[in-house]
C-alpha atoms as a PDB file:
ATOM      1  CA  MET A   1     131.286  88.237  98.716  1.00  0.00           C
ATOM      2  CA  ALA A   2     134.797  89.023 100.674  1.00  0.00           C
ATOM      3  CA  LYS A   3     134.097  90.769 103.828  1.00  0.00           C
ATOM      4  CA  VAL A   4     136.088  94.086 103.551  1.00  0.00           C
ATOM      5  CA  LYS A   5     138.626  94.242 106.720  1.00  0.00           C
ATOM      6  CA  GLY A   6     138.481  97.233 108.514  1.00  0.00           C
ATOM      7  CA  VAL A   7     140.685  99.407 110.325  1.00  0.00           C
ATOM      8  CA  HIS A   8     140.785  97.507 113.819  1.00  0.00           C
ATOM      9  CA  ASP A   9     141.352  94.268 111.892  1.00  0.00           C
ATOM     10  CA  MET A  10     144.818  95.789 110.527  1.00  0.00           C
ATOM     11  CA  PHE A  11     145.797  97.972 113.143  1.00  0.00           C
ATOM     12  CA  TYR A  12     146.918  97.804 116.975  1.00  0.00           C
ATOM     13  CA  PHE A  13     146.376 100.753 118.548  1.00  0.00           C
ATOM     14  CA  VAL A  14     147.431 101.849 122.022  1.00  0.00           C
ATOM     15  CA  ASP A  15     144.860 100.432 124.079  1.00  0.00           C
ATOM     16  CA  ASP A  16     145.561  97.299 122.140  1.00  0.00           C
ATOM     17  CA  VAL A  17     149.399  97.231 122.764  1.00  0.00           C
ATOM     18  CA  MET A  18     149.219  98.181 126.262  1.00  0.00           C
ATOM     19  CA  GLN A  19     147.079  94.818 126.887  1.00  0.00           C
ATOM     20  CA  LEU A  20     149.298  92.677 124.763  1.00  0.00           C
ATOM     21  CA  LEU A  21     152.783  94.020 126.421  1.00  0.00           C
ATOM     22  CA  GLY A  22     151.660  94.924 129.685  1.00  0.00           C
ATOM     23  CA  PHE A  23     153.233  98.766 129.536  1.00  0.00           C
ATOM     24  CA  SER A  24     151.985 102.164 130.259  1.00  0.00           C
ATOM     25  CA  ARG A  25     150.070 104.135 127.984  1.00  0.00           C
ATOM     26  CA  SER A  26     153.768 105.913 127.326  1.00  0.00           C
ATOM     27  CA  LYS A  27     155.966 103.280 126.634  1.00  0.00           C
ATOM     28  CA  SER A  28     153.194 101.754 124.494  1.00  0.00           C
ATOM     29  CA  TYR A  29     153.063 104.945 122.241  1.00  0.00           C
ATOM     30  CA  LYS A  30     156.852 104.686 121.873  1.00  0.00           C
ATOM     31  CA  ILE A  31     156.774 101.170 120.728  1.00  0.00           C
ATOM     32  CA  ILE A  32     154.228 102.400 117.974  1.00  0.00           C
ATOM     33  CA  SER A  33     156.569 105.423 116.928  1.00  0.00           C
ATOM     34  CA  GLU A  34     159.443 103.468 117.118  1.00  0.00           C
ATOM     35  CA  LEU A  35     157.908 100.498 114.951  1.00  0.00           C
ATOM     36  CA  ASN A  36     156.305 103.342 112.420  1.00  0.00           C
ATOM     37  CA  LYS A  37     159.644 104.844 112.420  1.00  0.00           C
ATOM     38  CA  GLU A  38     161.146 101.551 111.135  1.00  0.00           C
ATOM     39  CA  LEU A  39     158.280 101.041 108.494  1.00  0.00           C
ATOM     40  CA  ALA A  40     158.734 104.425 106.873  1.00  0.00           C
ATOM     41  CA  GLU A  41     162.133 104.025 106.325  1.00  0.00           C
ATOM     42  CA  GLN A  42     161.159 101.309 104.655  1.00  0.00           C
ATOM     43  CA  GLY A  43     158.908 103.468 102.352  1.00  0.00           C
ATOM     44  CA  LYS A  44     155.790 102.603 103.924  1.00  0.00           C
ATOM     45  CA  MET A  45     153.094 104.335 104.589  1.00  0.00           C
ATOM     46  CA  VAL A  46     152.690 104.869 108.464  1.00  0.00           C
ATOM     47  CA  PHE A  47     149.711 106.500 110.611  1.00  0.00           C
ATOM     48  CA  ASP A  48     150.238 108.189 114.067  1.00  0.00           C
ATOM     49  CA  GLY A  49     149.209 105.922 117.205  1.00  0.00           C
ATOM     50  CA  ARG A  50     148.421 102.730 115.548  1.00  0.00           C
ATOM     51  CA  VAL A  51     150.635 100.292 113.850  1.00  0.00           C
ATOM     52  CA  SER A  52     150.131  97.528 111.427  1.00  0.00           C
ATOM     53  CA  LYS A  53     149.228  94.220 113.252  1.00  0.00           C
ATOM     54  CA  ARG A  54     151.554  91.753 110.611  1.00  0.00           C
ATOM     55  CA  TYR A  55     154.851  93.955 111.436  1.00  0.00           C
ATOM     56  CA  PHE A  56     153.805  94.452 115.279  1.00  0.00           C
ATOM     57  CA  THR A  57     153.780  90.237 115.432  1.00  0.00           C
ATOM     58  CA  GLU A  58     156.777  89.976 113.528  1.00  0.00           C
ATOM     59  CA  ARG A  59     159.313  92.703 114.976  1.00  0.00           C
ATOM     60  CA  LEU A  60     158.417  91.121 118.314  1.00  0.00           C
ATOM     61  CA  GLY A  61     158.404  87.477 117.422  1.00  0.00           C
ATOM     62  CA  LEU A  62     154.795  87.161 118.478  1.00  0.00           C
ATOM     63  CA  GLU A  63     153.477  85.082 115.277  1.00  0.00           C
ATOM     64  CA  ALA A  64     152.848  81.939 117.102  1.00  0.00           C
ATOM     65  CA  GLU A  65     151.347  83.478 120.398  1.00  0.00           C
ATOM     66  CA  LEU A  66     148.793  85.636 118.556  1.00  0.00           C
ATOM     67  CA  GLN A  67     147.439  82.726 116.506  1.00  0.00           C
ATOM     68  CA  PRO A  68     143.862  81.461 117.080  1.00  0.00           C
ATOM     69  CA  ARG A  69     144.262  78.117 118.730  1.00  0.00           C
ATOM     70  CA  ARG A  70     142.680  75.376 117.262  1.00  0.00           C
ATOM     71  CA  ARG A  71     140.658  72.653 119.526  1.00  0.00           C
ATOM     72  CA  ALA A  72     141.993  69.138 119.327  1.00  0.00           C
ATOM     73  CA  VAL A  73     139.394  66.767 117.348  1.00  0.00           C
END
């Protein structure tokens, strides 16, 4: 049976954004708010204080940087 994804598997919260980008809490909330505004304009449902991991990494161009690294065999 497939594991159901939890909220922390699908969203970044302010502490995650702070750690990833090195910004203050207030700046991180502003980034989340801006990204959520863009998603809402696309007709997506958004939630205060969190942003879709997929959209965050896509929008900031971090796909390659946040991918788990594979060990050479």
